[in-house]
C-alpha atoms as a PDB file:
ATOM      1  CA  MET A   1      42.058 -49.381  22.308  1.00  0.00           C
ATOM      2  CA  SER A   2      41.342 -51.191  19.296  1.00  0.00           C
ATOM      3  CA  GLU A   3      40.011 -54.857  19.189  1.00  0.00           C
ATOM      4  CA  SER A   4      43.322 -56.076  17.982  1.00  0.00           C
ATOM      5  CA  ALA A   5      46.889 -54.790  17.779  1.00  0.00           C
ATOM      6  CA  PHE A   6      47.016 -56.388  14.452  1.00  0.00           C
ATOM      7  CA  PRO A   7      44.480 -56.345  11.689  1.00  0.00           C
ATOM      8  CA  VAL A   8      45.044 -59.361   9.221  1.00  0.00           C
ATOM      9  CA  GLU A   9      46.737 -57.774   6.303  1.00  0.00           C
ATOM     10  CA  ALA A  10      49.264 -60.571   5.304  1.00  0.00           C
ATOM     11  CA  SER A  11      49.673 -63.878   4.913  1.00  0.00           C
ATOM     12  CA  PRO A  12      51.079 -65.973   8.076  1.00  0.00           C
ATOM     13  CA  ALA A  13      53.817 -67.421   5.826  1.00  0.00           C
ATOM     14  CA  SER A  14      55.220 -64.002   5.301  1.00  0.00           C
ATOM     15  CA  ALA A  15      56.247 -63.664   8.878  1.00  0.00           C
ATOM     16  CA  ALA A  16      59.325 -64.935  10.616  1.00  0.00           C
ATOM     17  CA  PRO A  17      58.575 -67.953  13.210  1.00  0.00           C
ATOM     18  CA  PHE A  18      58.532 -67.470  16.930  1.00  0.00           C
ATOM     19  CA  THR A  19      62.036 -68.532  17.880  1.00  0.00           C
ATOM     20  CA  VAL A  20      64.013 -68.204  21.497  1.00  0.00           C
ATOM     21  CA  GLY A  21      66.921 -66.015  19.705  1.00  0.00           C
ATOM     22  CA  GLY A  22      64.642 -63.767  17.935  1.00  0.00           C
ATOM     23  CA  ALA A  23      62.356 -63.178  21.007  1.00  0.00           C
ATOM     24  CA  LEU A  24      65.404 -62.284  23.232  1.00  0.00           C
ATOM     25  CA  ASN A  25      66.970 -59.978  20.699  1.00  0.00           C
ATOM     26  CA  GLU A  26      63.801 -58.200  20.373  1.00  0.00           C
ATOM     27  CA  THR A  27      63.266 -58.086  23.887  1.00  0.00           C
ATOM     28  CA  PHE A  28      66.532 -56.492  24.758  1.00  0.00           C
ATOM     29  CA  ARG A  29      66.455 -54.230  21.648  1.00  0.00           C
ATOM     30  CA  ILE A  30      63.342 -52.682  22.989  1.00  0.00           C
ATOM     31  CA  TRP A  31      64.568 -52.106  26.692  1.00  0.00           C
ATOM     32  CA  THR A  32      67.695 -50.933  25.800  1.00  0.00           C
ATOM     33  CA  ASN A  33      66.390 -48.555  23.096  1.00  0.00           C
ATOM     34  CA  ASN A  34      63.561 -47.245  25.747  1.00  0.00           C
ATOM     35  CA  LEU A  35      65.640 -47.153  28.848  1.00  0.00           C
ATOM     36  CA  VAL A  36      64.605 -43.850  30.100  1.00  0.00           C
ATOM     37  CA  THR A  37      61.221 -44.375  29.414  1.00  0.00           C
ATOM     38  CA  PHE A  38      61.078 -47.857  31.265  1.00  0.00           C
ATOM     39  CA  ALA A  39      63.122 -46.260  34.092  1.00  0.00           C
ATOM     40  CA  LEU A  40      60.428 -43.635  34.738  1.00  0.00           C
ATOM     41  CA  VAL A  41      57.961 -46.025  34.924  1.00  0.00           C
ATOM     42  CA  GLY A  42      59.761 -48.156  37.456  1.00  0.00           C
ATOM     43  CA  LEU A  43      60.542 -45.140  39.731  1.00  0.00           C
ATOM     44  CA  PRO A  44      57.076 -45.283  41.785  1.00  0.00           C
ATOM     45  CA  GLY A  45      57.842 -48.941  42.389  1.00  0.00           C
ATOM     46  CA  LEU A  46      61.329 -48.473  43.643  1.00  0.00           C
ATOM     47  CA  ALA A  47      60.390 -45.241  45.772  1.00  0.00           C
ATOM     48  CA  LEU A  48      57.887 -47.798  47.554  1.00  0.00           C
ATOM     49  CA  ALA A  49      60.411 -50.191  47.963  1.00  0.00           C
ATOM     50  CA  LEU A  50      62.999 -48.011  49.683  1.00  0.00           C
ATOM     51  CA  THR A  51      60.627 -45.919  51.779  1.00  0.00           C
ATOM     52  CA  GLY A  52      57.713 -46.659  54.406  1.00  0.00           C
ATOM     53  CA  PRO A  53      57.289 -49.727  56.375  1.00  0.00           C
ATOM     54  CA  ASP A  54      58.020 -53.246  55.343  1.00  0.00           C
ATOM     55  CA  PRO A  55      54.965 -54.553  53.250  1.00  0.00           C
ATOM     56  CA  MET A  56      55.576 -58.108  54.248  1.00  0.00           C
ATOM     57  CA  ALA A  57      55.268 -56.893  57.822  1.00  0.00           C
ATOM     58  CA  VAL A  58      51.124 -57.404  57.252  1.00  0.00           C
ATOM     59  CA  VAL A  59      51.970 -60.986  56.408  1.00  0.00           C
ATOM     60  CA  ASN A  60      54.768 -61.857  58.606  1.00  0.00           C
ATOM     61  CA  ARG A  61      54.049 -60.822  62.112  1.00  0.00           C
ATOM     62  CA  ARG A  62      57.013 -60.717  64.205  1.00  0.00           C
ATOM     63  CA  ALA A  63      56.907 -61.861  67.991  1.00  0.00           C
ATOM     64  CA  GLY A  64      53.293 -62.119  67.748  1.00  0.00           C
ATOM     65  CA  ARG A  65      52.630 -58.244  67.575  1.00  0.00           C
ATOM     66  CA  PRO A  66      50.309 -56.765  64.889  1.00  0.00           C
ATOM     67  CA  PRO A  67      51.944 -54.947  62.129  1.00  0.00           C
ATOM     68  CA  PRO A  68      51.735 -51.056  62.422  1.00  0.00           C
ATOM     69  CA  LEU A  69      48.463 -49.729  60.452  1.00  0.00           C
ATOM     70  CA  ASP A  70      50.380 -47.790  57.970  1.00  0.00           C
ATOM     71  CA  SER A  71      51.994 -51.249  56.763  1.00  0.00           C
ATOM     72  CA  PHE A  72      48.769 -51.952  55.475  1.00  0.00           C
ATOM     73  CA  GLY A  73      48.539 -48.561  53.399  1.00  0.00           C
ATOM     74  CA  HIS A  74      51.982 -49.205  51.954  1.00  0.00           C
ATOM     75  CA  LEU A  75      50.883 -52.889  50.910  1.00  0.00           C
ATOM     76  CA  ALA A  76      48.021 -51.355  48.985  1.00  0.00           C
ATOM     77  CA  ALA A  77      50.070 -48.729  47.485  1.00  0.00           C
ATOM     78  CA  VAL A  78      52.625 -51.403  46.396  1.00  0.00           C
ATOM     79  CA  ILE A  79      49.949 -53.536  44.846  1.00  0.00           C
ATOM     80  CA  VAL A  80      48.102 -50.699  43.071  1.00  0.00           C
ATOM     81  CA  VAL A  81      51.404 -49.333  41.493  1.00  0.00           C
ATOM     82  CA  GLY A  82      52.624 -52.784  40.591  1.00  0.00           C
ATOM     83  CA  ILE A  83      49.375 -53.579  38.538  1.00  0.00           C
ATOM     84  CA  LEU A  84      49.424 -49.775  36.857  1.00  0.00           C
ATOM     85  CA  VAL A  85      52.983 -50.662  36.110  1.00  0.00           C
ATOM     86  CA  GLN A  86      52.451 -54.101  34.599  1.00  0.00           C
ATOM     87  CA  ALA A  87      49.575 -52.679  32.504  1.00  0.00           C
ATOM     88  CA  VAL A  88      52.022 -50.016  31.235  1.00  0.00           C
ATOM     89  CA  TYR A  89      54.752 -52.379  30.095  1.00  0.00           C
ATOM     90  CA  PRO A  90      52.889 -54.018  27.185  1.00  0.00           C
ATOM     91  CA  LEU A  91      51.812 -50.552  25.718  1.00  0.00           C
ATOM     92  CA  LEU A  92      55.222 -49.242  25.515  1.00  0.00           C
ATOM     93  CA  THR A  93      56.530 -52.528  24.094  1.00  0.00           C
ATOM     94  CA  ALA A  94      53.902 -52.233  21.602  1.00  0.00           C
ATOM     95  CA  LYS A  95      54.934 -48.781  20.656  1.00  0.00           C
ATOM     96  CA  ALA A  96      58.320 -49.528  20.568  1.00  0.00           C
ATOM     97  CA  ALA A  97      57.817 -52.700  18.253  1.00  0.00           C
ATOM     98  CA  THR A  98      56.716 -50.121  15.541  1.00  0.00           C
ATOM     99  CA  GLY A  99      60.200 -48.932  15.380  1.00  0.00           C
ATOM    100  CA  GLY A 100      59.653 -45.399  17.119  1.00  0.00           C
ATOM    101  CA  LYS A 101      60.363 -44.581  20.798  1.00  0.00           C
ATOM    102  CA  ALA A 102      57.987 -45.100  23.617  1.00  0.00           C
ATOM    103  CA  THR A 103      57.156 -42.295  25.821  1.00  0.00           C
ATOM    104  CA  ILE A 104      55.266 -41.720  29.023  1.00  0.00           C
ATOM    105  CA  ALA A 105      52.353 -40.418  27.165  1.00  0.00           C
ATOM    106  CA  ASP A 106      51.897 -43.933  25.417  1.00  0.00           C
ATOM    107  CA  ALA A 107      51.067 -45.292  28.770  1.00  0.00           C
ATOM    108  CA  ILE A 108      48.240 -43.172  29.482  1.00  0.00           C
ATOM    109  CA  PRO A 109      45.369 -45.863  27.746  1.00  0.00           C
ATOM    110  CA  ALA A 110      46.735 -48.217  30.374  1.00  0.00           C
ATOM    111  CA  LEU A 111      44.825 -46.372  33.112  1.00  0.00           C
ATOM    112  CA  ARG A 112      41.658 -47.028  31.279  1.00  0.00           C
ATOM    113  CA  ALA A 113      42.434 -50.640  31.302  1.00  0.00           C
ATOM    114  CA  ALA A 114      43.862 -51.240  34.716  1.00  0.00           C
ATOM    115  CA  LEU A 115      40.804 -52.307  36.525  1.00  0.00           C
ATOM    116  CA  PRO A 116      39.721 -54.970  33.918  1.00  0.00           C
ATOM    117  CA  PHE A 117      43.525 -56.035  33.641  1.00  0.00           C
ATOM    118  CA  PHE A 118      43.508 -56.416  37.509  1.00  0.00           C
ATOM    119  CA  VAL A 119      40.504 -58.764  37.523  1.00  0.00           C
ATOM    120  CA  THR A 120      41.835 -60.777  34.585  1.00  0.00           C
ATOM    121  CA  LEU A 121      45.399 -61.216  36.341  1.00  0.00           C
ATOM    122  CA  LEU A 122      43.537 -61.964  39.552  1.00  0.00           C
ATOM    123  CA  VAL A 123      41.153 -64.606  38.353  1.00  0.00           C
ATOM    124  CA  THR A 124      43.923 -66.299  36.439  1.00  0.00           C
ATOM    125  CA  TRP A 125      46.356 -66.381  39.510  1.00  0.00           C
ATOM    126  CA  ILE A 126      43.523 -67.980  41.604  1.00  0.00           C
ATOM    127  CA  LEU A 127      42.770 -70.617  38.891  1.00  0.00           C
ATOM    128  CA  ILE A 128      46.549 -71.539  38.733  1.00  0.00           C
ATOM    129  CA  GLY A 129      46.726 -71.334  42.389  1.00  0.00           C
ATOM    130  CA  ILE A 130      43.984 -73.928  42.714  1.00  0.00           C
ATOM    131  CA  GLY A 131      45.510 -76.011  39.797  1.00  0.00           C
ATOM    132  CA  THR A 132      48.888 -75.950  41.717  1.00  0.00           C
ATOM    133  CA  LEU A 133      47.294 -77.506  44.870  1.00  0.00           C
ATOM    134  CA  PHE A 134      46.720 -80.479  42.921  1.00  0.00           C
ATOM    135  CA  LEU A 135      50.353 -82.026  42.658  1.00  0.00           C
ATOM    136  CA  LEU A 136      51.697 -78.925  40.956  1.00  0.00           C
ATOM    137  CA  ILE A 137      51.264 -80.117  37.554  1.00  0.00           C
ATOM    138  CA  PRO A 138      47.899 -78.845  36.649  1.00  0.00           C
ATOM    139  CA  GLY A 139      49.149 -75.339  37.953  1.00  0.00           C
ATOM    140  CA  PHE A 140      52.090 -75.404  35.608  1.00  0.00           C
ATOM    141  CA  ILE A 141      50.058 -76.271  32.666  1.00  0.00           C
ATOM    142  CA  LEU A 142      47.577 -73.417  33.362  1.00  0.00           C
ATOM    143  CA  ALA A 143      50.444 -71.147  33.985  1.00  0.00           C
ATOM    144  CA  LEU A 144      52.096 -72.271  30.521  1.00  0.00           C
ATOM    145  CA  ARG A 145      48.787 -71.955  28.423  1.00  0.00           C
ATOM    146  CA  TRP A 146      47.845 -68.361  30.196  1.00  0.00           C
ATOM    147  CA  ALA A 147      51.402 -66.921  30.150  1.00  0.00           C
ATOM    148  CA  LEU A 148      50.183 -64.143  27.508  1.00  0.00           C
ATOM    149  CA  VAL A 149      47.126 -63.075  29.618  1.00  0.00           C
ATOM    150  CA  GLY A 150      48.850 -59.645  30.363  1.00  0.00           C
ATOM    151  CA  PRO A 151      49.596 -58.572  26.956  1.00  0.00           C
ATOM    152  CA  VAL A 152      46.289 -59.947  25.540  1.00  0.00           C
ATOM    153  CA  ALA A 153      44.237 -58.183  28.154  1.00  0.00           C
ATOM    154  CA  ILE A 154      46.021 -54.757  27.495  1.00  0.00           C
ATOM    155  CA  LEU A 155      46.238 -54.868  23.744  1.00  0.00           C
ATOM    156  CA  GLU A 156      43.222 -56.738  22.610  1.00  0.00           C
ATOM    157  CA  SER A 157      40.135 -55.008  24.140  1.00  0.00           C
ATOM    158  CA  ASN A 158      37.426 -57.824  22.915  1.00  0.00           C
ATOM    159  CA  ALA A 159      39.666 -60.865  23.423  1.00  0.00           C
ATOM    160  CA  ALA A 160      38.864 -63.551  25.843  1.00  0.00           C
ATOM    161  CA  PRO A 161      42.487 -63.298  27.527  1.00  0.00           C
ATOM    162  CA  ARG A 162      43.015 -66.933  28.766  1.00  0.00           C
ATOM    163  CA  ALA A 163      41.492 -68.358  25.642  1.00  0.00           C
ATOM    164  CA  ARG A 164      43.586 -66.404  23.455  1.00  0.00           C
ATOM    165  CA  SER A 165      46.667 -66.975  25.197  1.00  0.00           C
ATOM    166  CA  ARG A 166      46.037 -70.681  25.092  1.00  0.00           C
ATOM    167  CA  ASN A 167      45.443 -70.192  20.968  1.00  0.00           C
ATOM    168  CA  LEU A 168      48.418 -68.320  20.621  1.00  0.00           C
ATOM    169  CA  LEU A 169      50.859 -70.612  22.326  1.00  0.00           C
ATOM    170  CA  ARG A 170      49.359 -73.893  21.058  1.00  0.00           C
ATOM    171  CA  ASP A 171      52.171 -75.812  19.128  1.00  0.00           C
ATOM    172  CA  HIS A 172      54.799 -73.235  20.477  1.00  0.00           C
ATOM    173  CA  GLN A 173      54.706 -74.398  24.129  1.00  0.00           C
ATOM    174  CA  GLY A 174      58.301 -75.991  23.837  1.00  0.00           C
ATOM    175  CA  THR A 175      59.975 -72.952  22.302  1.00  0.00           C
ATOM    176  CA  PHE A 176      58.228 -70.636  24.917  1.00  0.00           C
ATOM    177  CA  ILE A 177      59.642 -73.103  27.825  1.00  0.00           C
ATOM    178  CA  LEU A 178      63.090 -72.595  26.424  1.00  0.00           C
ATOM    179  CA  PHE A 179      62.554 -68.909  26.089  1.00  0.00           C
ATOM    180  CA  GLY A 180      61.345 -68.841  29.782  1.00  0.00           C
ATOM    181  CA  LEU A 181      64.582 -70.542  30.984  1.00  0.00           C
ATOM    182  CA  SER A 182      66.838 -68.319  29.013  1.00  0.00           C
ATOM    183  CA  MET A 183      65.216 -65.384  30.649  1.00  0.00           C
ATOM    184  CA  ALA A 184      65.465 -67.127  34.080  1.00  0.00           C
ATOM    185  CA  LEU A 185      69.061 -67.510  33.718  1.00  0.00           C
ATOM    186  CA  VAL A 186      69.345 -63.530  32.930  1.00  0.00           C
ATOM    187  CA  PHE A 187      67.246 -63.122  36.294  1.00  0.00           C
ATOM    188  CA  LEU A 188      69.376 -65.523  38.232  1.00  0.00           C
ATOM    189  CA  ALA A 189      72.535 -63.586  37.214  1.00  0.00           C
ATOM    190  CA  MET A 190      70.951 -60.432  38.600  1.00  0.00           C
ATOM    191  CA  TRP A 191      69.985 -61.767  41.925  1.00  0.00           C
ATOM    192  CA  GLY A 192      73.629 -62.865  42.307  1.00  0.00           C
ATOM    193  CA  VAL A 193      74.920 -59.398  41.552  1.00  0.00           C
ATOM    194  CA  SER A 194      72.710 -58.163  44.340  1.00  0.00           C
ATOM    195  CA  ILE A 195      73.930 -60.993  46.515  1.00  0.00           C
ATOM    196  CA  GLY A 196      77.433 -59.892  45.829  1.00  0.00           C
ATOM    197  CA  VAL A 197      76.888 -56.199  46.653  1.00  0.00           C
ATOM    198  CA  ARG A 198      74.775 -57.151  49.888  1.00  0.00           C
ATOM    199  CA  THR A 199      77.752 -59.403  51.051  1.00  0.00           C
ATOM    200  CA  ALA A 200      80.477 -56.845  50.029  1.00  0.00           C
ATOM    201  CA  LEU A 201      78.768 -53.602  51.192  1.00  0.00           C
ATOM    202  CA  GLY A 202      76.027 -54.764  53.845  1.00  0.00           C
ATOM    203  CA  PRO A 203      72.283 -55.371  53.862  1.00  0.00           C
ATOM    204  CA  LEU A 204      71.375 -51.584  52.976  1.00  0.00           C
ATOM    205  CA  ALA A 205      73.461 -51.434  50.022  1.00  0.00           C
ATOM    206  CA  GLY A 206      72.018 -54.859  48.903  1.00  0.00           C
ATOM    207  CA  GLN A 207      68.378 -54.135  49.498  1.00  0.00           C
ATOM    208  CA  VAL A 208      68.959 -50.651  47.433  1.00  0.00           C
ATOM    209  CA  VAL A 209      70.665 -52.856  44.516  1.00  0.00           C
ATOM    210  CA  MET A 210      68.054 -55.605  44.491  1.00  0.00           C
ATOM    211  CA  SER A 211      65.118 -53.040  44.565  1.00  0.00           C
ATOM    212  CA  ALA A 212      66.621 -51.128  41.636  1.00  0.00           C
ATOM    213  CA  ILE A 213      67.291 -54.263  39.666  1.00  0.00           C
ATOM    214  CA  SER A 214      63.649 -55.359  39.950  1.00  0.00           C
ATOM    215  CA  SER A 215      62.218 -51.967  39.139  1.00  0.00           C
ATOM    216  CA  PHE A 216      64.709 -51.139  36.473  1.00  0.00           C
ATOM    217  CA  ILE A 217      65.645 -54.345  34.822  1.00  0.00           C
ATOM    218  CA  SER A 218      63.719 -57.592  36.003  1.00  0.00           C
ATOM    219  CA  ALA A 219      60.207 -56.128  35.778  1.00  0.00           C
ATOM    220  CA  PRO A 220      60.271 -54.400  32.471  1.00  0.00           C
ATOM    221  CA  ILE A 221      62.330 -57.000  30.780  1.00  0.00           C
ATOM    222  CA  PHE A 222      59.908 -59.816  32.093  1.00  0.00           C
ATOM    223  CA  SER A 223      57.042 -58.102  30.623  1.00  0.00           C
ATOM    224  CA  ILE A 224      58.676 -56.864  27.285  1.00  0.00           C
ATOM    225  CA  GLY A 225      59.498 -60.605  26.869  1.00  0.00           C
ATOM    226  CA  LEU A 226      55.898 -61.644  27.457  1.00  0.00           C
ATOM    227  CA  THR A 227      54.684 -59.017  25.109  1.00  0.00           C
ATOM    228  CA  VAL A 228      57.327 -59.713  22.221  1.00  0.00           C
ATOM    229  CA  VAL A 229      56.100 -63.375  22.306  1.00  0.00           C
ATOM    230  CA  TYR A 230      52.603 -62.106  21.909  1.00  0.00           C
ATOM    231  CA  LEU A 231      53.474 -60.017  18.963  1.00  0.00           C
ATOM    232  CA  GLN A 232      55.505 -62.614  17.456  1.00  0.00           C
ATOM    233  CA  LEU A 233      53.233 -65.608  17.654  1.00  0.00           C
ATOM    234  CA  LYS A 234      50.256 -63.090  16.525  1.00  0.00           C
ATOM    235  CA  ARG A 235      51.997 -62.051  13.383  1.00  0.00           C
ATOM    236  CA  PHE A 236      53.353 -65.302  12.672  1.00  0.00           C
ATOM    237  CA  LYS A 237      49.693 -67.020  13.028  1.00  0.00           C
ATOM    238  CA  GLU A 238      47.655 -64.341  11.711  1.00  0.00           C
ATOM    239  CA  GLY A 239      49.986 -61.933   9.789  1.00  0.00           C
ATOM    240  CA  GLY A 240      49.696 -58.145   9.929  1.00  0.00           C
ATOM    241  CA  ASP A 241      51.960 -55.363   9.682  1.00  0.00           C
ATOM    242  CA  THR A 242      53.581 -54.371  13.130  1.00  0.00           C
ATOM    243  CA  ALA A 243      53.017 -50.791  12.141  1.00  0.00           C
ATOM    244  CA  ALA A 244      49.304 -51.546  12.777  1.00  0.00           C
ATOM    245  CA  LEU A 245      50.282 -51.489  16.439  1.00  0.00           C
ATOM    246  CA  ALA A 246      49.693 -47.863  16.505  1.00  0.00           C
ATOM    247  CA  GLN A 247      46.119 -48.216  16.465  1.00  0.00           C
ATOM    248  CA  VAL A 248      46.068 -49.377  20.046  1.00  0.00           C
ATOM    249  CA  PHE A 249      46.932 -45.935  21.136  1.00  0.00           C
ATOM    250  CA  GLN A 250      44.071 -44.301  19.215  1.00  0.00           C
END
């Protein structure tokens, strides 16, 4: 991966500003144009969600009995697959942003970045968690400032992800909050669908639909959205040709 997905080639004034409508349109354009690839990436997570023991049995011990040993292995698999998938989405989004089709082969660089990506996210989550303990507000502020840590960690090998995220979002946090609220409404509608299916067809069908929505819709759209915001803010603030994103796969 290159140091940056965007070499500085153009004046920032030549790039369109970051807007809620523009980011939403680009998010859903990339997702719909690459449905098959994103669905294939989500398949392992769906398979884990629908098979094996309940991973939450490790945390929620029922009737005072310890969880079965295989629950720990299943939970570990869920975590590992989740990390790999979240590392893959920004790469696929970056490839799709060039105007081409994202393929599974484009996800290969994510394997090299998976461990540092996990460490970056883990440290970020811990710091946000500590901030949340102090009356919630510090945690919210940190979560807002560091919202783009994931895309930065994958697409910029030499960046300090938390500082980079904060700098990109500076002066655009209000727009980003509105973007996040818009995405939340979409996810709320999906949750309502799964609840409706569960009510109409029973818990098993509801679980299948909820797992499918999470693997094939919610998870990719969430990550695509964050990556799109990253790309638009970077292009607006620093300039550069989106086609230069192809360098990240070299």
